[in-house]
Amino acid sequence: MKLAVRGAVLALSLACGTAQGDVFTDGDSLMMQFGPYVYHRHYDPRHNDHPALFGLEWESQSRLELGAVWFLNSFYQPSEYAYVGKRWFFYNPRDDDGLYLKLTAGPLYGYKGQYADNVPFNHDGLGVAAIPGIGYQYDRASAQFVLLGTAGFMITFGLQVAK
């Protein structure tokens, strides 16, 4: 799984470098993401509230998304999430600014050992996740409030690096 996520990140990185070629079509974009903070619903001093999340996300003109992120999970284990998703703006769907809903789903790797049960269908550290969020985009920058099941929420920020 790690190899698959790293491959997705590499492919997105290469696409960013060649964005002016025929890799992207009109309306496609590439976004870098950073997640500096997680709030846990149940306080535990052993929880990691600063996941150091970093990721890349490609979005088509129709708002379909492919992405991959690396982060330290709530138990300080290196983790990766590769996903497909969709974003819906509340107003004009062709507008790049404003409030939006987002849903992503895909394989999640990294929750191992005594923490394996924290992720549905987890086997040897590989599970699945479906992650909803609500965000706001202004020009090339965005901020999101992402729900992490019943565990808590994360704040993320994004910047379009190619459009």
N, C-alpha and C. Protein backbone atom coordinates (compact mmCIF):
# COMPACT_ATOMS: atom_id res chain seq x y z
N MET A 1 0.82 -1.20 0.00
CA MET A 1 0.00 0.00 0.00
C MET A 1 0.86 1.26 0.00
N LYS A 2 1.92 1.26 0.81
CA LYS A 2 2.76 2.45 0.86
C LYS A 2 3.27 2.80 -0.53
N LEU A 3 3.66 1.79 -1.28
CA LEU A 3 4.18 2.01 -2.62
C LEU A 3 3.11 2.63 -3.52
N ALA A 4 1.86 2.17 -3.40
CA ALA A 4 0.78 2.72 -4.21
C ALA A 4 0.55 4.19 -3.90
N VAL A 5 0.53 4.56 -2.63
CA VAL A 5 0.31 5.95 -2.25
C VAL A 5 1.48 6.81 -2.70
N ARG A 6 2.68 6.32 -2.49
CA ARG A 6 3.86 7.09 -2.94
C ARG A 6 3.87 7.24 -4.45
N GLY A 7 3.41 6.21 -5.16
CA GLY A 7 3.30 6.30 -6.61
C GLY A 7 2.30 7.36 -7.03
N ALA A 8 1.16 7.42 -6.32
CA ALA A 8 0.15 8.44 -6.63
C ALA A 8 0.69 9.84 -6.38
N VAL A 9 1.41 10.02 -5.27
CA VAL A 9 2.01 11.32 -4.96
C VAL A 9 3.03 11.69 -6.02
N LEU A 10 3.86 10.74 -6.44
CA LEU A 10 4.86 11.01 -7.48
C LEU A 10 4.19 11.38 -8.79
N ALA A 11 3.14 10.64 -9.17
CA ALA A 11 2.43 10.95 -10.41
C ALA A 11 1.83 12.34 -10.39
N LEU A 12 1.23 12.71 -9.25
CA LEU A 12 0.66 14.05 -9.13
C LEU A 12 1.76 15.11 -9.18
N SER A 13 2.90 14.83 -8.57
CA SER A 13 4.02 15.78 -8.59
C SER A 13 4.52 15.98 -10.01
N LEU A 14 4.66 14.89 -10.75
CA LEU A 14 5.10 15.00 -12.13
C LEU A 14 4.09 15.75 -12.98
N ALA A 15 2.81 15.51 -12.72
CA ALA A 15 1.77 16.22 -13.47
C ALA A 15 1.87 17.71 -13.21
N CYS A 16 2.20 18.10 -11.98
CA CYS A 16 2.35 19.51 -11.64
C CYS A 16 3.47 20.13 -12.46
N GLY A 17 4.56 19.40 -12.62
CA GLY A 17 5.71 19.91 -13.36
C GLY A 17 5.44 20.04 -14.84
N THR A 18 4.47 19.29 -15.36
CA THR A 18 4.18 19.35 -16.79
C THR A 18 2.78 19.91 -17.05
N ALA A 19 2.27 20.67 -16.12
CA ALA A 19 0.88 21.15 -16.21
C ALA A 19 0.63 21.99 -17.45
N GLN A 20 1.64 22.62 -17.99
CA GLN A 20 1.44 23.46 -19.16
C GLN A 20 1.34 22.63 -20.44
N GLY A 21 1.69 21.35 -20.38
CA GLY A 21 1.56 20.47 -21.53
C GLY A 21 0.13 20.00 -21.67
N ASP A 22 -0.05 18.81 -22.21
CA ASP A 22 -1.39 18.26 -22.41
C ASP A 22 -1.83 17.35 -21.28
N VAL A 23 -1.19 17.43 -20.12
CA VAL A 23 -1.56 16.58 -18.99
C VAL A 23 -2.90 17.01 -18.43
N PHE A 24 -3.11 18.30 -18.27
CA PHE A 24 -4.37 18.83 -17.74
C PHE A 24 -5.23 19.31 -18.89
N THR A 25 -6.53 19.29 -18.67
CA THR A 25 -7.44 19.92 -19.61
C THR A 25 -7.94 21.21 -18.98
N ASP A 26 -8.64 22.02 -19.75
CA ASP A 26 -9.18 23.27 -19.20
C ASP A 26 -10.03 22.99 -17.98
N GLY A 27 -9.79 23.73 -16.91
CA GLY A 27 -10.57 23.59 -15.70
C GLY A 27 -9.98 22.64 -14.68
N ASP A 28 -8.98 21.82 -15.04
CA ASP A 28 -8.33 20.93 -14.08
C ASP A 28 -7.40 21.74 -13.19
N SER A 29 -7.15 21.23 -11.99
CA SER A 29 -6.23 21.92 -11.09
C SER A 29 -5.49 20.90 -10.23
N LEU A 30 -4.39 21.35 -9.67
CA LEU A 30 -3.59 20.56 -8.74
C LEU A 30 -3.42 21.37 -7.48
N MET A 31 -3.72 20.76 -6.34
CA MET A 31 -3.67 21.47 -5.07
C MET A 31 -2.73 20.77 -4.09
N MET A 32 -1.91 21.55 -3.41
CA MET A 32 -1.12 21.05 -2.28
C MET A 32 -1.94 21.29 -1.03
N GLN A 33 -1.88 20.33 -0.09
CA GLN A 33 -2.65 20.45 1.14
C GLN A 33 -1.74 20.32 2.35
N PHE A 34 -2.14 20.99 3.42
CA PHE A 34 -1.43 20.91 4.69
C PHE A 34 -2.46 20.85 5.80
N GLY A 35 -2.29 19.91 6.73
CA GLY A 35 -3.20 19.79 7.86
C GLY A 35 -2.45 19.95 9.17
N PRO A 36 -2.56 21.11 9.81
CA PRO A 36 -1.77 21.36 11.01
C PRO A 36 -2.41 20.94 12.33
N TYR A 37 -3.75 20.65 12.33
CA TYR A 37 -4.39 20.45 13.63
C TYR A 37 -5.54 19.44 13.55
N VAL A 38 -5.63 18.60 14.59
CA VAL A 38 -6.74 17.66 14.79
C VAL A 38 -7.30 17.87 16.19
N TYR A 39 -8.62 17.93 16.28
CA TYR A 39 -9.29 17.97 17.57
C TYR A 39 -9.87 16.58 17.81
N HIS A 40 -9.55 15.98 18.95
CA HIS A 40 -10.08 14.67 19.32
C HIS A 40 -11.27 14.84 20.26
N ARG A 41 -12.34 14.15 19.95
CA ARG A 41 -13.56 14.25 20.75
C ARG A 41 -13.33 13.78 22.19
N HIS A 42 -12.55 12.74 22.35
CA HIS A 42 -12.22 12.24 23.69
C HIS A 42 -10.77 12.60 23.99
N TYR A 43 -10.57 13.42 24.98
CA TYR A 43 -9.22 13.87 25.31
C TYR A 43 -8.37 12.71 25.83
N ASP A 44 -7.16 12.63 25.31
CA ASP A 44 -6.16 11.67 25.78
C ASP A 44 -4.82 12.37 25.60
N PRO A 45 -4.05 12.57 26.67
CA PRO A 45 -2.78 13.29 26.53
C PRO A 45 -1.80 12.60 25.59
N ARG A 46 -2.06 11.34 25.26
CA ARG A 46 -1.17 10.62 24.32
C ARG A 46 -1.53 10.88 22.87
N HIS A 47 -2.68 11.53 22.60
CA HIS A 47 -3.09 11.81 21.22
C HIS A 47 -2.18 12.85 20.56
N ASN A 48 -1.96 12.64 19.28
CA ASN A 48 -1.24 13.60 18.46
C ASN A 48 -2.25 14.58 17.87
N ASP A 49 -2.15 15.85 18.27
CA ASP A 49 -3.05 16.88 17.75
C ASP A 49 -2.47 17.62 16.55
N HIS A 50 -1.24 17.30 16.18
CA HIS A 50 -0.55 18.00 15.08
C HIS A 50 -0.05 16.95 14.08
N PRO A 51 -0.90 16.57 13.11
CA PRO A 51 -0.61 15.44 12.24
C PRO A 51 0.45 15.69 11.16
N ALA A 52 0.86 16.92 10.95
CA ALA A 52 1.83 17.25 9.90
C ALA A 52 1.38 16.68 8.56
N LEU A 53 0.09 16.77 8.27
CA LEU A 53 -0.46 16.23 7.03
C LEU A 53 0.03 17.03 5.84
N PHE A 54 0.46 16.31 4.81
CA PHE A 54 0.86 16.92 3.55
C PHE A 54 0.30 16.07 2.43
N GLY A 55 -0.26 16.70 1.40
CA GLY A 55 -0.80 15.92 0.30
C GLY A 55 -0.92 16.70 -0.99
N LEU A 56 -1.22 15.96 -2.05
CA LEU A 56 -1.47 16.53 -3.37
C LEU A 56 -2.81 16.01 -3.87
N GLU A 57 -3.54 16.89 -4.56
CA GLU A 57 -4.86 16.52 -5.04
C GLU A 57 -5.08 17.09 -6.43
N TRP A 58 -5.50 16.24 -7.36
CA TRP A 58 -5.87 16.67 -8.70
C TRP A 58 -7.38 16.74 -8.76
N GLU A 59 -7.91 17.81 -9.37
CA GLU A 59 -9.36 17.96 -9.52
C GLU A 59 -9.67 18.29 -10.97
N SER A 60 -10.65 17.56 -11.52
CA SER A 60 -11.09 17.80 -12.89
C SER A 60 -12.07 18.97 -12.93
N GLN A 61 -12.39 19.42 -14.11
CA GLN A 61 -13.35 20.51 -14.27
C GLN A 61 -14.71 20.13 -13.70
N SER A 62 -15.05 18.84 -13.71
CA SER A 62 -16.33 18.39 -13.17
C SER A 62 -16.29 18.18 -11.66
N ARG A 63 -15.18 18.55 -11.03
CA ARG A 63 -14.98 18.50 -9.57
C ARG A 63 -14.72 17.08 -9.04
N LEU A 64 -14.42 16.12 -9.91
CA LEU A 64 -13.95 14.81 -9.45
C LEU A 64 -12.50 14.96 -9.01
N GLU A 65 -12.11 14.23 -7.97
CA GLU A 65 -10.78 14.40 -7.39
C GLU A 65 -10.05 13.07 -7.22
N LEU A 66 -8.74 13.13 -7.34
CA LEU A 66 -7.83 12.05 -6.98
C LEU A 66 -6.76 12.67 -6.10
N GLY A 67 -6.44 12.00 -5.00
CA GLY A 67 -5.45 12.58 -4.11
C GLY A 67 -4.75 11.56 -3.25
N ALA A 68 -3.71 12.01 -2.59
CA ALA A 68 -2.96 11.19 -1.65
C ALA A 68 -2.36 12.12 -0.60
N VAL A 69 -2.42 11.68 0.67
CA VAL A 69 -1.84 12.45 1.76
C VAL A 69 -0.99 11.56 2.65
N TRP A 70 0.01 12.16 3.27
CA TRP A 70 0.85 11.51 4.28
C TRP A 70 0.66 12.30 5.57
N PHE A 71 0.60 11.58 6.71
CA PHE A 71 0.41 12.25 7.99
C PHE A 71 0.83 11.32 9.13
N LEU A 72 0.97 11.90 10.29
CA LEU A 72 1.15 11.12 11.52
C LEU A 72 -0.23 11.00 12.15
N ASN A 73 -0.69 9.75 12.34
CA ASN A 73 -2.04 9.58 12.88
C ASN A 73 -2.10 9.97 14.36
N SER A 74 -3.26 9.78 14.95
CA SER A 74 -3.48 10.19 16.34
C SER A 74 -2.57 9.49 17.34
N PHE A 75 -1.89 8.43 16.88
CA PHE A 75 -1.01 7.66 17.75
C PHE A 75 0.43 7.73 17.28
N TYR A 76 0.75 8.78 16.52
CA TYR A 76 2.09 9.08 16.02
C TYR A 76 2.63 8.02 15.06
N GLN A 77 1.75 7.28 14.40
CA GLN A 77 2.18 6.30 13.41
C GLN A 77 2.15 6.94 12.02
N PRO A 78 3.22 6.81 11.23
CA PRO A 78 3.18 7.32 9.85
C PRO A 78 2.04 6.65 9.09
N SER A 79 1.22 7.45 8.41
CA SER A 79 0.03 6.92 7.74
C SER A 79 -0.14 7.59 6.38
N GLU A 80 -0.88 6.89 5.51
CA GLU A 80 -1.13 7.39 4.16
C GLU A 80 -2.57 7.11 3.78
N TYR A 81 -3.14 8.02 2.99
CA TYR A 81 -4.52 7.90 2.53
C TYR A 81 -4.55 8.28 1.06
N ALA A 82 -4.97 7.35 0.21
CA ALA A 82 -5.16 7.62 -1.22
C ALA A 82 -6.67 7.62 -1.46
N TYR A 83 -7.16 8.54 -2.28
CA TYR A 83 -8.61 8.67 -2.37
C TYR A 83 -9.09 9.17 -3.72
N VAL A 84 -10.38 8.94 -3.93
CA VAL A 84 -11.15 9.57 -4.99
C VAL A 84 -12.22 10.38 -4.27
N GLY A 85 -12.68 11.42 -4.91
CA GLY A 85 -13.68 12.24 -4.23
C GLY A 85 -14.41 13.15 -5.19
N LYS A 86 -15.25 13.97 -4.60
CA LYS A 86 -16.04 14.94 -5.36
C LYS A 86 -16.27 16.16 -4.48
N ARG A 87 -16.33 17.31 -5.12
CA ARG A 87 -16.58 18.57 -4.42
C ARG A 87 -17.79 19.24 -5.05
N TRP A 88 -18.66 19.78 -4.17
CA TRP A 88 -19.87 20.48 -4.61
C TRP A 88 -19.89 21.87 -4.00
N PHE A 89 -19.93 22.90 -4.87
CA PHE A 89 -20.03 24.27 -4.39
C PHE A 89 -21.50 24.58 -4.11
N PHE A 90 -21.76 25.43 -3.10
CA PHE A 90 -23.13 25.78 -2.72
C PHE A 90 -23.79 26.70 -3.74
N TYR A 91 -23.01 27.46 -4.46
CA TYR A 91 -23.58 28.41 -5.39
C TYR A 91 -23.32 27.91 -6.80
N ASN A 92 -22.89 28.76 -7.68
CA ASN A 92 -22.62 28.40 -9.06
C ASN A 92 -21.50 27.34 -9.09
N PRO A 93 -21.76 26.12 -9.58
CA PRO A 93 -20.75 25.07 -9.57
C PRO A 93 -19.54 25.35 -10.46
N ARG A 94 -19.66 26.34 -11.33
CA ARG A 94 -18.51 26.69 -12.17
C ARG A 94 -17.63 27.75 -11.53
N ASP A 95 -18.10 28.29 -10.43
CA ASP A 95 -17.35 29.30 -9.69
C ASP A 95 -16.21 28.62 -8.93
N ASP A 96 -15.08 29.24 -8.84
CA ASP A 96 -13.96 28.68 -8.08
C ASP A 96 -13.90 29.22 -6.66
N ASP A 97 -14.78 30.10 -6.31
CA ASP A 97 -14.78 30.69 -4.97
C ASP A 97 -16.07 30.30 -4.24
N GLY A 98 -15.96 30.23 -2.92
CA GLY A 98 -17.15 30.03 -2.11
C GLY A 98 -17.12 28.79 -1.26
N LEU A 99 -18.25 28.58 -0.60
CA LEU A 99 -18.44 27.47 0.33
C LEU A 99 -18.71 26.18 -0.45
N TYR A 100 -18.13 25.07 0.00
CA TYR A 100 -18.34 23.79 -0.68
C TYR A 100 -18.40 22.63 0.30
N LEU A 101 -19.01 21.54 -0.16
CA LEU A 101 -18.99 20.24 0.52
C LEU A 101 -18.07 19.33 -0.26
N LYS A 102 -17.45 18.39 0.45
CA LYS A 102 -16.52 17.48 -0.20
C LYS A 102 -16.64 16.11 0.45
N LEU A 103 -16.52 15.07 -0.36
CA LEU A 103 -16.51 13.70 0.16
C LEU A 103 -15.41 12.93 -0.55
N THR A 104 -14.55 12.29 0.22
CA THR A 104 -13.50 11.44 -0.35
C THR A 104 -13.60 10.06 0.27
N ALA A 105 -13.07 9.05 -0.44
CA ALA A 105 -13.06 7.68 0.07
C ALA A 105 -11.89 6.93 -0.57
N GLY A 106 -11.31 6.01 0.21
CA GLY A 106 -10.22 5.22 -0.34
C GLY A 106 -9.49 4.46 0.75
N PRO A 107 -8.40 3.79 0.36
CA PRO A 107 -7.62 3.01 1.31
C PRO A 107 -6.81 3.91 2.25
N LEU A 108 -6.74 3.48 3.51
CA LEU A 108 -6.01 4.19 4.55
C LEU A 108 -5.02 3.21 5.16
N TYR A 109 -3.75 3.57 5.16
CA TYR A 109 -2.71 2.68 5.67
C TYR A 109 -1.98 3.33 6.84
N GLY A 110 -1.73 2.56 7.90
CA GLY A 110 -0.89 3.06 8.97
C GLY A 110 -1.37 2.78 10.38
N TYR A 111 -2.63 2.49 10.57
CA TYR A 111 -3.14 2.20 11.92
C TYR A 111 -2.85 0.73 12.22
N LYS A 112 -1.82 0.50 13.05
CA LYS A 112 -1.35 -0.86 13.30
C LYS A 112 -1.37 -1.19 14.78
N GLY A 113 -1.14 -2.46 15.06
CA GLY A 113 -1.02 -2.92 16.44
C GLY A 113 -2.28 -2.66 17.24
N GLN A 114 -2.12 -2.13 18.43
CA GLN A 114 -3.26 -1.90 19.33
C GLN A 114 -4.23 -0.85 18.79
N TYR A 115 -3.85 -0.11 17.75
CA TYR A 115 -4.71 0.94 17.19
C TYR A 115 -5.43 0.50 15.92
N ALA A 116 -5.26 -0.74 15.51
CA ALA A 116 -5.85 -1.24 14.27
C ALA A 116 -7.37 -1.13 14.26
N ASP A 117 -8.01 -1.28 15.41
CA ASP A 117 -9.47 -1.23 15.47
C ASP A 117 -10.03 0.18 15.31
N ASN A 118 -9.19 1.18 15.24
CA ASN A 118 -9.67 2.56 15.08
C ASN A 118 -10.07 2.88 13.65
N VAL A 119 -9.79 1.96 12.71
CA VAL A 119 -10.13 2.16 11.30
C VAL A 119 -10.98 0.97 10.84
N PRO A 120 -12.11 1.23 10.17
CA PRO A 120 -12.97 0.13 9.72
C PRO A 120 -12.25 -0.81 8.73
N PHE A 121 -12.57 -2.08 8.83
CA PHE A 121 -12.09 -3.10 7.91
C PHE A 121 -10.56 -3.13 7.83
N ASN A 122 -9.88 -2.84 8.93
CA ASN A 122 -8.43 -2.78 8.96
C ASN A 122 -7.84 -4.19 9.05
N HIS A 123 -6.87 -4.46 8.18
CA HIS A 123 -6.15 -5.73 8.21
C HIS A 123 -4.67 -5.43 7.96
N ASP A 124 -3.84 -5.73 8.93
CA ASP A 124 -2.39 -5.47 8.84
C ASP A 124 -2.08 -4.01 8.52
N GLY A 125 -2.85 -3.11 9.08
CA GLY A 125 -2.60 -1.68 8.90
C GLY A 125 -3.30 -1.06 7.72
N LEU A 126 -3.97 -1.86 6.89
CA LEU A 126 -4.67 -1.35 5.72
C LEU A 126 -6.17 -1.39 5.96
N GLY A 127 -6.81 -0.23 5.92
CA GLY A 127 -8.25 -0.12 6.11
C GLY A 127 -8.84 0.78 5.05
N VAL A 128 -10.08 1.18 5.26
CA VAL A 128 -10.75 2.09 4.34
C VAL A 128 -11.30 3.28 5.11
N ALA A 129 -11.45 4.37 4.41
CA ALA A 129 -12.00 5.57 5.03
C ALA A 129 -12.92 6.28 4.05
N ALA A 130 -13.94 6.92 4.58
CA ALA A 130 -14.80 7.84 3.84
C ALA A 130 -14.84 9.11 4.67
N ILE A 131 -14.36 10.21 4.08
CA ILE A 131 -14.14 11.42 4.86
C ILE A 131 -14.89 12.60 4.25
N PRO A 132 -15.90 13.11 4.98
CA PRO A 132 -16.62 14.30 4.52
C PRO A 132 -15.97 15.57 5.06
N GLY A 133 -16.17 16.65 4.34
CA GLY A 133 -15.66 17.93 4.80
C GLY A 133 -16.48 19.08 4.25
N ILE A 134 -16.29 20.22 4.87
CA ILE A 134 -16.89 21.46 4.39
C ILE A 134 -15.76 22.48 4.34
N GLY A 135 -15.73 23.26 3.28
CA GLY A 135 -14.63 24.20 3.14
C GLY A 135 -15.03 25.48 2.44
N TYR A 136 -14.05 26.36 2.35
CA TYR A 136 -14.24 27.63 1.65
C TYR A 136 -13.01 27.85 0.78
N GLN A 137 -13.25 28.19 -0.48
CA GLN A 137 -12.16 28.49 -1.39
C GLN A 137 -12.25 29.94 -1.84
N TYR A 138 -11.11 30.61 -1.80
CA TYR A 138 -11.01 31.96 -2.31
C TYR A 138 -9.80 32.01 -3.23
N ASP A 139 -10.05 32.27 -4.51
CA ASP A 139 -9.01 32.29 -5.53
C ASP A 139 -8.28 30.95 -5.51
N ARG A 140 -6.99 30.91 -5.19
CA ARG A 140 -6.22 29.65 -5.22
C ARG A 140 -6.07 29.02 -3.84
N ALA A 141 -6.59 29.64 -2.80
CA ALA A 141 -6.43 29.14 -1.43
C ALA A 141 -7.75 28.58 -0.90
N SER A 142 -7.64 27.58 -0.04
CA SER A 142 -8.84 27.01 0.58
C SER A 142 -8.54 26.60 2.02
N ALA A 143 -9.61 26.50 2.80
CA ALA A 143 -9.54 26.00 4.17
C ALA A 143 -10.70 25.03 4.33
N GLN A 144 -10.46 23.93 5.06
CA GLN A 144 -11.47 22.89 5.23
C GLN A 144 -11.60 22.46 6.68
N PHE A 145 -12.80 22.07 7.01
CA PHE A 145 -13.14 21.45 8.28
C PHE A 145 -13.52 20.02 7.90
N VAL A 146 -12.71 19.03 8.30
CA VAL A 146 -12.86 17.65 7.87
C VAL A 146 -13.28 16.78 9.05
N LEU A 147 -14.39 16.06 8.90
CA LEU A 147 -14.86 15.16 9.96
C LEU A 147 -14.11 13.84 9.91
N LEU A 148 -13.65 13.38 11.05
CA LEU A 148 -12.90 12.13 11.15
C LEU A 148 -13.74 11.10 11.90
N GLY A 149 -14.83 10.71 11.30
CA GLY A 149 -15.73 9.76 11.93
C GLY A 149 -16.24 10.31 13.25
N THR A 150 -16.26 9.45 14.27
CA THR A 150 -16.68 9.89 15.60
C THR A 150 -15.49 10.33 16.44
N ALA A 151 -14.27 10.27 15.87
CA ALA A 151 -13.06 10.58 16.62
C ALA A 151 -12.82 12.07 16.81
N GLY A 152 -13.22 12.89 15.84
CA GLY A 152 -12.96 14.32 15.94
C GLY A 152 -13.00 14.99 14.59
N PHE A 153 -12.23 16.07 14.45
CA PHE A 153 -12.16 16.78 13.18
C PHE A 153 -10.75 17.31 12.96
N MET A 154 -10.49 17.64 11.70
CA MET A 154 -9.19 18.19 11.31
C MET A 154 -9.41 19.49 10.53
N ILE A 155 -8.49 20.41 10.70
CA ILE A 155 -8.46 21.64 9.92
C ILE A 155 -7.36 21.48 8.87
N THR A 156 -7.69 21.73 7.60
CA THR A 156 -6.68 21.66 6.55
C THR A 156 -6.70 22.93 5.73
N PHE A 157 -5.58 23.20 5.07
CA PHE A 157 -5.44 24.34 4.18
C PHE A 157 -4.89 23.84 2.86
N GLY A 158 -5.30 24.49 1.77
CA GLY A 158 -4.83 24.08 0.44
C GLY A 158 -4.45 25.28 -0.40
N LEU A 159 -3.58 25.02 -1.37
CA LEU A 159 -3.16 26.05 -2.31
C LEU A 159 -3.04 25.41 -3.68
N GLN A 160 -3.78 25.96 -4.67
CA GLN A 160 -3.68 25.46 -6.04
C GLN A 160 -2.32 25.85 -6.59
N VAL A 161 -1.57 24.86 -7.04
CA VAL A 161 -0.24 25.11 -7.58
C VAL A 161 -0.22 25.04 -9.09
N ALA A 162 -1.27 24.52 -9.68
CA ALA A 162 -1.39 24.48 -11.14
C ALA A 162 -2.87 24.51 -11.50
N LYS A 163 -3.16 25.25 -12.56
CA LYS A 163 -4.55 25.34 -13.00
C LYS A 163 -4.60 25.50 -14.49
